[in-house]
N, C-alpha and C. Protein backbone atom coordinates (compact mmCIF):
# COMPACT_ATOMS: atom_id res chain seq x y z
N MET A 1 6.92 -4.26 -22.34
CA MET A 1 7.68 -5.66 -21.91
C MET A 1 6.90 -6.62 -21.55
N ALA A 2 5.80 -6.59 -22.07
CA ALA A 2 4.58 -7.94 -21.74
C ALA A 2 5.09 -9.31 -22.45
N GLY A 3 4.73 -10.20 -22.06
CA GLY A 3 4.77 -11.40 -23.01
C GLY A 3 3.60 -11.07 -24.09
N ALA A 4 3.78 -12.15 -24.96
CA ALA A 4 2.63 -12.25 -25.90
C ALA A 4 1.26 -12.29 -25.47
N PRO A 5 0.44 -11.32 -26.23
CA PRO A 5 -0.85 -11.42 -25.50
C PRO A 5 -1.69 -12.18 -24.97
N GLY A 6 -2.42 -11.98 -23.85
CA GLY A 6 -3.12 -13.35 -23.35
C GLY A 6 -2.10 -14.31 -22.61
N GLY A 7 -0.93 -14.32 -22.80
CA GLY A 7 0.26 -15.33 -22.66
C GLY A 7 0.34 -15.01 -20.78
N GLY A 8 0.20 -13.96 -20.29
CA GLY A 8 0.06 -13.86 -18.91
C GLY A 8 1.64 -13.91 -18.18
N GLU A 9 2.38 -13.59 -19.24
CA GLU A 9 3.87 -13.72 -18.68
C GLU A 9 4.45 -12.32 -18.29
N LEU A 10 5.47 -12.30 -17.65
CA LEU A 10 5.98 -11.00 -16.75
C LEU A 10 7.17 -11.01 -17.95
N GLY A 11 7.84 -9.79 -17.95
CA GLY A 11 9.07 -9.52 -18.36
C GLY A 11 8.76 -8.94 -19.99
N PRO A 12 10.28 -9.06 -20.48
CA PRO A 12 10.39 -9.17 -22.03
C PRO A 12 9.68 -10.12 -22.78
N ALA A 13 9.33 -9.56 -24.22
CA ALA A 13 9.03 -10.53 -24.95
C ALA A 13 10.12 -11.55 -25.16
N ALA A 14 9.27 -12.79 -25.72
CA ALA A 14 10.43 -13.90 -26.06
C ALA A 14 11.58 -13.33 -27.02
N GLY A 15 12.88 -13.88 -26.91
CA GLY A 15 14.00 -13.75 -27.38
C GLY A 15 14.76 -12.59 -26.78
N GLU A 16 14.35 -11.63 -25.66
CA GLU A 16 14.81 -10.61 -25.51
C GLU A 16 15.67 -11.05 -24.33
N PRO A 17 17.03 -10.79 -23.80
CA PRO A 17 17.90 -11.54 -22.59
C PRO A 17 17.24 -10.60 -21.59
N LEU A 18 17.11 -11.20 -20.39
CA LEU A 18 16.72 -11.03 -19.22
C LEU A 18 17.92 -11.20 -18.38
N LEU A 19 18.31 -10.07 -17.45
CA LEU A 19 19.27 -10.32 -16.51
C LEU A 19 18.57 -10.53 -14.80
N GLN A 20 19.25 -11.54 -14.19
CA GLN A 20 18.90 -11.52 -12.72
C GLN A 20 19.44 -10.93 -12.18
N ARG A 21 18.85 -10.58 -11.03
CA ARG A 21 19.31 -9.70 -9.78
C ARG A 21 19.97 -10.74 -8.90
N PRO A 22 20.91 -10.27 -8.39
CA PRO A 22 22.07 -11.17 -7.33
C PRO A 22 21.32 -10.75 -6.17
N ASP A 23 20.74 -9.67 -5.82
CA ASP A 23 20.50 -9.65 -4.53
C ASP A 23 18.93 -10.28 -4.25
N SER A 24 18.64 -11.23 -4.93
CA SER A 24 17.25 -11.68 -4.87
C SER A 24 16.78 -12.01 -3.17
N GLY A 25 15.63 -10.68 -3.05
CA GLY A 25 15.32 -11.02 -1.55
C GLY A 25 15.99 -10.12 -0.63
N GLN A 26 16.84 -9.69 -0.70
CA GLN A 26 17.76 -8.54 -0.02
C GLN A 26 16.86 -7.49 0.85
N GLY A 27 15.75 -7.18 -0.22
CA GLY A 27 14.71 -6.42 0.68
C GLY A 27 13.48 -7.23 1.77
N SER A 28 13.77 -8.13 2.15
CA SER A 28 13.07 -9.11 2.65
C SER A 28 13.08 -10.15 3.82
N PRO A 29 14.10 -9.79 4.23
CA PRO A 29 14.61 -10.48 5.58
C PRO A 29 14.07 -9.98 6.58
N GLU A 30 13.71 -11.26 7.15
CA GLU A 30 13.13 -11.07 8.94
C GLU A 30 14.32 -11.39 9.83
N PRO A 31 13.76 -10.39 11.00
CA PRO A 31 14.54 -10.61 12.07
C PRO A 31 14.83 -12.05 12.41
N PRO A 32 15.67 -12.65 13.06
CA PRO A 32 16.70 -13.90 13.46
C PRO A 32 15.25 -14.54 14.72
N ALA A 33 15.03 -15.57 14.61
CA ALA A 33 14.09 -16.23 15.67
C ALA A 33 14.88 -16.33 17.11
N HIS A 34 14.62 -16.22 18.13
CA HIS A 34 15.57 -16.52 19.41
C HIS A 34 14.94 -18.07 19.93
N GLY A 35 15.90 -18.86 19.41
CA GLY A 35 15.75 -19.99 20.01
C GLY A 35 14.88 -20.68 18.99
N LYS A 36 14.31 -22.11 18.84
CA LYS A 36 13.87 -22.67 17.74
C LYS A 36 12.25 -22.91 18.66
N PRO A 37 11.42 -22.08 17.53
CA PRO A 37 10.04 -22.12 17.79
C PRO A 37 9.07 -23.09 18.34
N GLN A 38 8.39 -23.17 19.00
CA GLN A 38 7.60 -24.32 19.13
C GLN A 38 6.46 -24.49 18.41
N GLN A 39 6.17 -25.32 17.65
CA GLN A 39 5.40 -26.07 16.80
C GLN A 39 3.92 -26.14 17.23
N GLY A 40 2.82 -25.16 16.94
CA GLY A 40 1.37 -26.10 17.35
C GLY A 40 1.01 -26.91 16.95
N PHE A 41 0.13 -27.40 17.37
CA PHE A 41 -0.75 -28.66 16.77
C PHE A 41 -1.30 -28.33 15.67
N LEU A 42 -1.49 -27.22 14.96
CA LEU A 42 -2.19 -27.11 13.74
C LEU A 42 -1.11 -27.11 12.51
N SER A 43 -0.22 -26.20 13.06
CA SER A 43 1.37 -26.09 12.31
C SER A 43 1.87 -27.37 11.74
N SER A 44 1.31 -28.32 13.01
CA SER A 44 2.53 -30.01 13.12
C SER A 44 1.73 -30.43 11.90
N LEU A 45 0.49 -30.09 11.28
CA LEU A 45 -0.31 -30.97 10.28
C LEU A 45 0.21 -30.75 9.06
N PHE A 46 1.19 -29.44 8.86
CA PHE A 46 1.45 -29.13 7.63
C PHE A 46 3.07 -29.15 7.45
N THR A 47 3.62 -29.94 6.60
CA THR A 47 5.11 -29.58 6.34
C THR A 47 5.39 -28.65 5.75
N ARG A 48 6.49 -28.19 5.40
CA ARG A 48 7.07 -26.86 4.99
C ARG A 48 6.51 -27.16 3.34
N ASP A 49 6.34 -28.14 2.40
CA ASP A 49 6.34 -28.12 1.44
C ASP A 49 4.46 -27.82 1.09
N GLN A 50 3.75 -28.01 2.30
CA GLN A 50 2.25 -27.84 2.04
C GLN A 50 2.00 -26.53 2.72
N SER A 51 2.54 -25.87 3.65
CA SER A 51 2.30 -24.65 3.93
C SER A 51 2.50 -23.44 3.30
N CYS A 52 3.75 -23.47 2.29
CA CYS A 52 4.12 -22.17 1.75
C CYS A 52 3.36 -22.16 0.66
N PRO A 53 2.81 -23.23 -0.15
CA PRO A 53 1.49 -23.06 -0.99
C PRO A 53 0.30 -22.26 -0.57
N LEU A 54 0.01 -23.14 0.68
CA LEU A 54 -1.20 -22.46 1.34
C LEU A 54 -1.32 -21.06 1.62
N MET A 55 -0.18 -20.71 2.40
CA MET A 55 0.02 -19.08 2.76
C MET A 55 -0.01 -18.32 1.43
N LEU A 56 0.52 -18.98 0.51
CA LEU A 56 0.57 -18.06 -0.96
C LEU A 56 -0.42 -17.48 -1.50
N GLN A 57 -1.42 -18.73 -1.66
CA GLN A 57 -2.66 -18.82 -1.90
C GLN A 57 -3.40 -17.79 -1.15
N LYS A 58 -3.35 -17.86 -0.03
CA LYS A 58 -4.25 -17.02 1.07
C LYS A 58 -3.95 -16.05 0.90
N THR A 59 -2.55 -15.31 0.95
CA THR A 59 -1.94 -14.25 0.28
C THR A 59 -2.61 -13.56 -1.05
N LEU A 60 -2.62 -14.17 -2.26
CA LEU A 60 -3.23 -13.88 -3.18
C LEU A 60 -4.39 -13.40 -3.28
N ASP A 61 -5.32 -14.51 -2.34
CA ASP A 61 -6.56 -14.09 -2.27
C ASP A 61 -7.03 -13.16 -1.58
N THR A 62 -6.41 -12.66 -0.61
CA THR A 62 -6.53 -11.75 0.63
C THR A 62 -5.84 -10.67 0.96
N ASN A 63 -4.77 -10.48 0.52
CA ASN A 63 -4.12 -9.22 0.71
C ASN A 63 -4.54 -8.07 0.01
N PRO A 64 -4.55 -7.25 0.62
CA PRO A 64 -5.53 -5.81 -0.26
C PRO A 64 -3.88 -5.51 -1.12
N TYR A 65 -3.13 -5.19 -0.72
CA TYR A 65 -1.92 -4.91 -1.28
C TYR A 65 -1.46 -5.47 -2.62
N VAL A 66 -1.40 -6.73 -2.37
CA VAL A 66 -1.10 -8.05 -3.39
C VAL A 66 -2.44 -7.64 -4.46
N LYS A 67 -3.58 -8.03 -4.21
CA LYS A 67 -4.37 -7.67 -5.15
C LYS A 67 -4.57 -6.39 -5.92
N LEU A 68 -4.27 -5.54 -5.31
CA LEU A 68 -4.01 -4.02 -6.14
C LEU A 68 -2.80 -4.31 -6.91
N LEU A 69 -1.30 -4.90 -6.69
CA LEU A 69 -0.12 -5.15 -7.70
C LEU A 69 -0.41 -5.93 -8.69
N LEU A 70 -1.47 -7.05 -8.46
CA LEU A 70 -1.87 -8.24 -9.66
C LEU A 70 -2.60 -7.43 -10.28
N ASP A 71 -3.76 -6.82 -9.96
CA ASP A 71 -4.46 -6.09 -11.03
C ASP A 71 -3.72 -5.04 -11.85
N ALA A 72 -3.12 -4.09 -11.31
CA ALA A 72 -1.84 -3.22 -12.05
C ALA A 72 -0.92 -4.07 -12.94
N MET A 73 -0.73 -5.22 -12.40
CA MET A 73 0.33 -5.78 -13.70
C MET A 73 -0.34 -6.34 -14.85
N LYS A 74 -1.79 -6.87 -14.45
CA LYS A 74 -2.74 -7.14 -15.56
C LYS A 74 -2.72 -5.97 -16.42
N HIS A 75 -2.84 -5.11 -16.05
CA HIS A 75 -3.36 -3.81 -16.71
C HIS A 75 -2.23 -3.39 -17.49
N SER A 76 -0.88 -3.63 -17.12
CA SER A 76 0.25 -3.11 -17.61
C SER A 76 0.69 -4.62 -18.59
N GLY A 77 -0.16 -5.10 -19.15
CA GLY A 77 -0.02 -6.28 -19.99
C GLY A 77 1.13 -7.72 -19.54
N CYS A 78 1.09 -7.78 -17.83
CA CYS A 78 2.15 -8.64 -17.51
C CYS A 78 1.14 -9.24 -16.37
N ALA A 79 0.15 -10.11 -16.56
CA ALA A 79 -0.86 -10.80 -15.83
C ALA A 79 0.16 -11.95 -15.25
N VAL A 80 -0.47 -11.96 -13.95
CA VAL A 80 0.87 -13.06 -12.99
C VAL A 80 -0.23 -14.54 -12.95
N ASN A 81 0.51 -15.96 -13.32
CA ASN A 81 -0.09 -16.88 -13.12
C ASN A 81 0.49 -17.38 -12.00
N ARG A 82 -0.11 -17.94 -11.03
CA ARG A 82 0.39 -18.59 -9.83
C ARG A 82 1.55 -19.61 -10.16
N GLY A 83 0.76 -20.63 -10.59
CA GLY A 83 1.72 -21.68 -10.94
C GLY A 83 2.88 -21.68 -11.88
N ARG A 84 3.10 -20.34 -12.47
CA ARG A 84 4.08 -20.05 -13.41
C ARG A 84 5.10 -18.96 -13.10
N HIS A 85 4.67 -18.27 -11.84
CA HIS A 85 5.49 -17.26 -11.79
C HIS A 85 5.90 -17.10 -10.21
N PHE A 86 5.35 -18.09 -9.56
CA PHE A 86 5.67 -18.21 -8.04
C PHE A 86 6.52 -19.63 -7.91
N SER A 87 7.23 -19.81 -6.88
CA SER A 87 7.90 -20.81 -6.53
C SER A 87 8.02 -20.82 -5.22
N CYS A 88 8.04 -21.56 -4.44
CA CYS A 88 8.26 -22.06 -2.89
C CYS A 88 9.62 -22.88 -3.51
N GLU A 89 10.78 -22.76 -2.34
CA GLU A 89 12.14 -23.36 -2.66
C GLU A 89 12.68 -23.08 -0.96
N VAL A 90 13.35 -23.90 -0.79
CA VAL A 90 14.60 -24.00 0.12
C VAL A 90 15.47 -22.79 -0.12
N CYS A 91 15.64 -21.92 0.80
CA CYS A 91 17.44 -21.14 0.46
C CYS A 91 17.93 -20.80 1.23
N ASP A 92 19.26 -20.48 1.17
CA ASP A 92 20.43 -20.29 1.74
C ASP A 92 20.22 -19.22 2.90
N GLY A 93 20.75 -19.39 3.84
CA GLY A 93 20.58 -17.99 4.77
C GLY A 93 19.34 -17.70 5.46
N ASN A 94 19.09 -16.31 5.82
CA ASN A 94 18.03 -16.10 5.89
C ASN A 94 17.03 -14.81 4.88
N VAL A 95 17.49 -15.41 4.05
CA VAL A 95 16.29 -14.42 2.58
C VAL A 95 15.30 -15.13 2.84
N SER A 96 14.23 -14.11 2.83
CA SER A 96 12.70 -14.73 2.65
C SER A 96 12.13 -15.11 1.12
N GLY A 97 13.04 -14.32 0.38
CA GLY A 97 12.23 -14.37 -1.11
C GLY A 97 13.19 -13.57 -2.10
N GLY A 98 12.82 -13.31 -3.29
CA GLY A 98 13.57 -12.60 -4.37
C GLY A 98 12.61 -12.75 -5.66
N PHE A 99 13.09 -11.75 -6.29
CA PHE A 99 12.38 -11.71 -7.80
C PHE A 99 13.56 -12.00 -8.91
N ASP A 100 13.39 -13.30 -9.49
CA ASP A 100 14.34 -13.75 -10.56
C ASP A 100 13.94 -13.30 -11.91
N ALA A 101 14.75 -12.00 -12.11
CA ALA A 101 14.40 -11.61 -13.48
C ALA A 101 14.51 -12.38 -14.87
N SER A 102 15.49 -13.12 -14.41
CA SER A 102 15.84 -14.29 -15.70
C SER A 102 14.62 -15.02 -16.08
N THR A 103 13.96 -15.48 -15.00
CA THR A 103 12.63 -16.04 -15.10
C THR A 103 11.50 -15.89 -14.81
N SER A 104 11.57 -14.24 -14.79
CA SER A 104 10.26 -13.54 -14.37
C SER A 104 9.52 -14.39 -13.04
N GLN A 105 10.43 -14.44 -12.25
CA GLN A 105 9.41 -15.78 -11.35
C GLN A 105 9.62 -14.96 -9.87
N ILE A 106 8.77 -15.18 -8.92
CA ILE A 106 9.05 -14.74 -7.60
C ILE A 106 9.29 -15.95 -6.82
N VAL A 107 10.62 -15.93 -5.94
CA VAL A 107 10.70 -17.57 -5.38
C VAL A 107 10.77 -16.76 -3.82
N LEU A 108 9.86 -17.66 -3.12
CA LEU A 108 9.60 -17.66 -1.81
C LEU A 108 10.54 -18.79 -1.18
N CYS A 109 11.45 -18.55 0.06
CA CYS A 109 11.82 -19.14 0.62
C CYS A 109 11.20 -20.17 1.87
N GLU A 110 10.49 -21.02 1.68
CA GLU A 110 9.37 -21.65 2.46
C GLU A 110 10.30 -22.25 3.78
N ASN A 111 11.44 -22.23 3.72
CA ASN A 111 12.39 -22.84 5.39
C ASN A 111 12.07 -21.36 6.11
N ASN A 112 12.03 -20.01 5.84
CA ASN A 112 12.57 -18.92 6.24
C ASN A 112 11.29 -17.91 6.18
N ILE A 113 9.81 -18.43 5.78
CA ILE A 113 8.72 -17.43 5.94
C ILE A 113 8.14 -18.32 7.28
N ARG A 114 7.93 -17.50 8.06
CA ARG A 114 7.11 -17.94 9.32
C ARG A 114 5.63 -17.87 9.70
N ASN A 115 5.31 -16.88 9.14
CA ASN A 115 3.69 -16.75 9.15
C ASN A 115 3.20 -16.16 7.63
N GLN A 116 1.72 -16.05 8.03
CA GLN A 116 0.88 -15.20 6.71
C GLN A 116 1.25 -13.86 6.91
N ALA A 117 1.82 -13.02 7.94
CA ALA A 117 1.67 -11.80 8.08
C ALA A 117 3.32 -11.61 6.90
N HIS A 118 4.12 -12.40 7.56
CA HIS A 118 5.44 -12.24 6.79
C HIS A 118 5.52 -12.75 5.27
N MET A 119 4.58 -13.60 4.98
CA MET A 119 4.38 -14.12 3.58
C MET A 119 3.44 -12.71 2.53
N GLY A 120 2.76 -12.13 3.41
CA GLY A 120 2.34 -10.98 2.93
C GLY A 120 3.08 -10.23 2.55
N ARG A 121 4.23 -9.83 3.15
CA ARG A 121 5.24 -8.61 2.93
C ARG A 121 6.11 -9.04 1.91
N VAL A 122 6.72 -10.44 1.98
CA VAL A 122 7.10 -10.71 0.92
C VAL A 122 7.02 -10.91 -0.26
N VAL A 123 5.58 -11.42 -0.30
CA VAL A 123 5.03 -11.56 -1.71
C VAL A 123 5.01 -10.00 -2.38
N THR A 124 4.61 -9.29 -1.35
CA THR A 124 4.15 -7.42 -1.92
C THR A 124 5.76 -6.96 -2.26
N HIS A 125 6.42 -7.08 -1.28
CA HIS A 125 7.74 -6.62 -1.78
C HIS A 125 8.37 -7.04 -2.91
N GLU A 126 8.73 -8.31 -3.47
CA GLU A 126 8.69 -9.19 -4.72
C GLU A 126 7.71 -8.71 -5.66
N LEU A 127 6.76 -8.73 -5.52
CA LEU A 127 5.85 -8.32 -6.71
C LEU A 127 5.99 -6.57 -6.99
N ILE A 128 6.23 -5.80 -6.12
CA ILE A 128 6.90 -4.92 -6.77
C ILE A 128 7.79 -4.53 -7.89
N HIS A 129 8.99 -5.48 -6.94
CA HIS A 129 10.23 -5.70 -8.24
C HIS A 129 9.42 -6.39 -9.41
N ALA A 130 8.68 -7.26 -9.52
CA ALA A 130 7.87 -7.67 -10.87
C ALA A 130 7.40 -6.72 -11.37
N PHE A 131 6.78 -5.57 -10.92
CA PHE A 131 6.13 -4.92 -11.39
C PHE A 131 7.22 -3.74 -12.14
N ASP A 132 7.93 -3.49 -11.48
CA ASP A 132 9.30 -2.29 -12.19
C ASP A 132 9.48 -2.98 -13.16
N HIS A 133 9.77 -4.30 -13.34
CA HIS A 133 10.36 -5.17 -14.04
C HIS A 133 9.51 -5.55 -15.58
N CYS A 134 8.50 -5.40 -15.24
CA CYS A 134 7.60 -5.30 -16.15
C CYS A 134 7.11 -3.94 -17.06
N ARG A 135 7.03 -2.94 -16.05
CA ARG A 135 6.53 -1.31 -16.82
C ARG A 135 7.49 -0.63 -17.02
N ALA A 136 8.85 -0.68 -15.92
CA ALA A 136 9.75 0.13 -16.16
C ALA A 136 11.12 -0.22 -17.09
N HIS A 137 11.07 -1.54 -17.39
CA HIS A 137 12.00 -2.03 -18.15
C HIS A 137 13.64 -1.97 -17.08
N VAL A 138 13.32 -2.25 -16.12
CA VAL A 138 14.37 -2.13 -15.19
C VAL A 138 15.81 -2.98 -15.60
N HIS A 139 16.94 -2.15 -15.51
CA HIS A 139 18.20 -3.08 -16.01
C HIS A 139 19.00 -3.34 -14.66
N TRP A 140 18.70 -4.53 -14.25
CA TRP A 140 19.11 -5.40 -12.72
C TRP A 140 20.44 -5.15 -12.96
N PHE A 141 21.21 -5.43 -13.59
CA PHE A 141 22.72 -5.49 -13.70
C PHE A 141 23.76 -4.44 -14.07
N THR A 142 22.66 -3.42 -15.30
CA THR A 142 23.99 -2.47 -15.61
C THR A 142 23.64 -1.26 -15.25
N ASN A 143 22.41 -1.01 -14.34
CA ASN A 143 22.01 0.35 -13.79
C ASN A 143 21.75 0.31 -12.28
N ILE A 144 22.76 0.79 -11.69
CA ILE A 144 22.73 0.72 -10.11
C ILE A 144 21.32 1.96 -9.54
N ARG A 145 21.04 2.67 -10.37
CA ARG A 145 19.95 3.67 -10.20
C ARG A 145 18.51 2.69 -10.38
N HIS A 146 18.39 2.00 -11.32
CA HIS A 146 17.16 1.32 -11.37
C HIS A 146 17.11 -0.12 -10.13
N LEU A 147 18.20 -0.51 -9.76
CA LEU A 147 18.21 -1.29 -9.07
C LEU A 147 17.76 -0.62 -7.50
N ALA A 148 18.81 0.51 -7.18
CA ALA A 148 18.38 1.35 -5.92
C ALA A 148 16.93 1.63 -5.79
N CYS A 149 16.37 2.27 -7.05
CA CYS A 149 14.95 2.72 -7.17
C CYS A 149 13.97 1.33 -6.40
N SER A 150 14.05 0.21 -7.33
CA SER A 150 13.13 -0.64 -7.10
C SER A 150 13.38 -1.05 -5.79
N GLU A 151 14.74 -1.47 -5.16
CA GLU A 151 14.42 -1.48 -3.83
C GLU A 151 13.90 -0.71 -2.58
N ILE A 152 13.85 0.61 -3.00
CA ILE A 152 13.71 1.74 -2.29
C ILE A 152 12.04 1.96 -2.22
N ARG A 153 11.53 1.24 -3.45
CA ARG A 153 10.08 1.60 -3.52
C ARG A 153 9.81 0.22 -2.96
N ALA A 154 10.20 -0.98 -3.02
CA ALA A 154 9.72 -2.22 -2.29
C ALA A 154 9.72 -2.19 -0.83
N ALA A 155 10.81 -1.53 -0.26
CA ALA A 155 10.88 -1.52 1.07
C ALA A 155 9.73 -0.39 1.40
N SER A 156 9.63 0.27 1.09
CA SER A 156 8.79 1.21 1.65
C SER A 156 7.28 0.90 1.50
N LEU A 157 6.96 0.52 0.74
CA LEU A 157 5.74 0.05 -0.10
C LEU A 157 5.18 -1.16 0.59
N SER A 158 6.20 -1.99 1.01
CA SER A 158 5.60 -3.46 1.40
C SER A 158 5.25 -3.85 2.83
N GLY A 159 5.95 -2.60 3.47
CA GLY A 159 5.79 -2.48 4.76
C GLY A 159 7.07 -3.13 5.86
N ASP A 160 8.11 -3.73 4.72
CA ASP A 160 9.29 -3.93 5.49
C ASP A 160 9.87 -3.08 6.43
N CYS A 161 9.49 -1.73 6.39
CA CYS A 161 10.18 -0.73 7.22
C CYS A 161 9.21 -0.25 8.28
N SER A 162 8.07 -0.75 8.38
CA SER A 162 6.92 -0.38 9.66
C SER A 162 7.54 -0.40 11.24
N LEU A 163 6.68 0.21 11.80
CA LEU A 163 7.28 0.71 13.16
C LEU A 163 7.22 -0.71 13.79
N VAL A 164 6.53 -1.79 13.39
CA VAL A 164 6.20 -2.92 14.15
C VAL A 164 8.03 -3.92 13.72
N ASN A 165 7.82 -3.82 12.56
CA ASN A 165 9.18 -4.69 12.17
C ASN A 165 10.22 -4.08 12.38
N GLU A 166 10.66 -2.71 12.80
CA GLU A 166 12.03 -2.33 12.95
C GLU A 166 11.73 -2.38 14.46
N LEU A 167 10.82 -2.66 15.16
CA LEU A 167 11.01 -2.88 16.77
C LEU A 167 11.59 -4.24 16.85
N PHE A 168 11.14 -5.42 16.02
CA PHE A 168 11.49 -6.66 16.13
C PHE A 168 12.79 -6.99 15.43
N ARG A 169 13.49 -5.97 14.93
CA ARG A 169 14.80 -5.79 14.54
C ARG A 169 15.66 -5.23 15.22
N LEU A 170 15.16 -4.86 16.44
CA LEU A 170 16.01 -3.83 17.41
C LEU A 170 16.58 -2.63 16.92
N ARG A 171 16.23 -2.20 15.95
CA ARG A 171 16.67 -0.86 15.18
C ARG A 171 15.35 0.26 15.43
N PHE A 172 15.33 0.61 16.83
CA PHE A 172 14.43 1.47 16.66
C PHE A 172 14.39 2.48 17.71
N GLY A 173 14.13 3.82 17.85
CA GLY A 173 13.84 4.76 18.85
C GLY A 173 13.02 5.28 18.79
N LEU A 174 11.89 5.58 19.59
CA LEU A 174 10.65 6.15 19.37
C LEU A 174 10.67 7.49 18.89
N LYS A 175 11.52 8.18 19.32
CA LYS A 175 11.70 9.81 18.67
C LYS A 175 12.30 9.66 17.30
N GLN A 176 13.13 8.71 16.93
CA GLN A 176 13.60 8.76 15.97
C GLN A 176 13.21 8.07 14.58
N HIS A 177 11.95 7.48 14.67
CA HIS A 177 11.25 6.52 13.66
C HIS A 177 11.68 7.22 12.57
N HIS A 178 11.34 8.19 12.18
CA HIS A 178 11.41 8.89 10.84
C HIS A 178 13.05 8.27 10.40
N GLN A 179 13.95 9.16 11.23
CA GLN A 179 15.49 8.48 10.88
C GLN A 179 15.56 7.42 10.17
N ILE A 180 15.14 6.35 11.00
CA ILE A 180 15.54 4.87 11.27
C ILE A 180 14.89 4.24 10.07
N GLU A 181 12.94 4.97 9.58
CA GLU A 181 12.33 4.37 8.68
C GLU A 181 13.57 4.74 7.27
N THR A 182 13.80 6.19 7.24
CA THR A 182 14.54 6.28 6.18
C THR A 182 16.09 5.33 5.80
N SER A 183 16.44 5.09 7.27
CA SER A 183 17.65 4.03 7.11
C SER A 183 17.27 2.80 6.43
N CYS A 184 16.43 2.24 7.14
CA CYS A 184 15.33 0.92 6.64
C CYS A 184 15.40 0.88 5.27
N VAL A 185 14.72 1.87 4.87
CA VAL A 185 14.41 2.26 3.22
C VAL A 185 15.64 1.99 2.62
N SER A 186 16.58 2.48 2.49
CA SER A 186 17.81 2.76 2.15
C SER A 186 18.78 1.37 1.99
N ARG A 187 18.70 0.81 3.14
CA ARG A 187 19.61 -0.65 3.31
C ARG A 187 19.54 -1.34 2.64
N PRO A 188 18.25 -1.79 1.84
CA PRO A 188 18.57 -3.04 0.50
C PRO A 188 18.80 -2.18 -0.43
N ALA A 189 18.66 -1.09 -0.92
CA ALA A 189 19.19 -0.64 -2.07
C ALA A 189 21.07 -0.46 -1.87
N MET A 190 21.27 -0.26 -0.91
CA MET A 190 23.14 -0.38 -0.67
C MET A 190 23.16 -1.85 -0.78
N ASN A 191 22.51 -2.92 0.17
CA ASN A 191 22.74 -3.89 0.01
C ASN A 191 22.93 -4.70 -1.80
N SER A 192 21.94 -4.38 -2.13
CA SER A 192 21.98 -4.61 -3.27
C SER A 192 22.98 -4.09 -4.59
N GLN A 193 23.29 -3.16 -4.35
CA GLN A 193 24.64 -2.33 -5.09
C GLN A 193 25.71 -3.19 -4.46
N SER A 194 25.88 -3.25 -3.41
CA SER A 194 27.18 -4.16 -2.76
C SER A 194 27.40 -5.39 -3.34
N CYS A 195 26.37 -6.10 -3.69
CA CYS A 195 26.15 -7.36 -3.94
C CYS A 195 26.77 -7.48 -5.59
N LEU A 196 26.42 -6.38 -6.37
CA LEU A 196 26.78 -6.04 -7.47
C LEU A 196 28.36 -5.73 -7.59
N GLY A 197 28.89 -5.27 -6.48
CA GLY A 197 30.19 -4.94 -6.77
C GLY A 197 30.36 -3.70 -7.04
N LEU A 198 29.35 -2.92 -7.27
CA LEU A 198 29.33 -1.52 -7.66
C LEU A 198 29.49 -0.52 -6.41
N VAL A 199 28.96 -0.50 -5.38
CA VAL A 199 29.56 0.09 -4.24
C VAL A 199 29.76 -0.79 -2.94
N SER A 200 30.72 -0.18 -2.45
CA SER A 200 30.94 -1.09 -0.87
C SER A 200 30.11 -0.36 0.02
N ALA A 201 29.67 -1.42 0.73
CA ALA A 201 28.65 -0.84 1.63
C ALA A 201 29.11 -0.77 3.16
């Protein structure tokens, strides 16, 4: 599924149809903030348009999971180019990001990504989808098993279902963390399938 050699593009070769995943970002929501957060002095120096690209660059440069995924994609023939494969955009709702298979691009929701740690989780989650798209030839629209498997892998491997994140979502009981983690990992898969109209959630 690699692009032209040396082209560094994700996804199928030119001319192959790509299918867009309708759940872009279902696996990357963050818990809602309570009230309007206070903006600090340093953060007030940056507009949303500036902070998203800066946080993305820091994530690409320093996050070990992201670096591992980028290296794995490069070795699979799908080198990632920051300018081509990432886009900071304003999104509806509380979606934090998504992978658009039709453009082989990761969309980062600049209005919903609140800090560097969140950016790292979103980029990691969406890179897992991009890697699956490159390596496994995922059929996002026609095979719900492909979709569910990619969502489960992304939720499990990106840190979306960590103890801390589940605490912030108020979905946690200390003795039942394993059961709640299982629920957290399967939730994005069910959301994705219901978005396709294949399964009622």
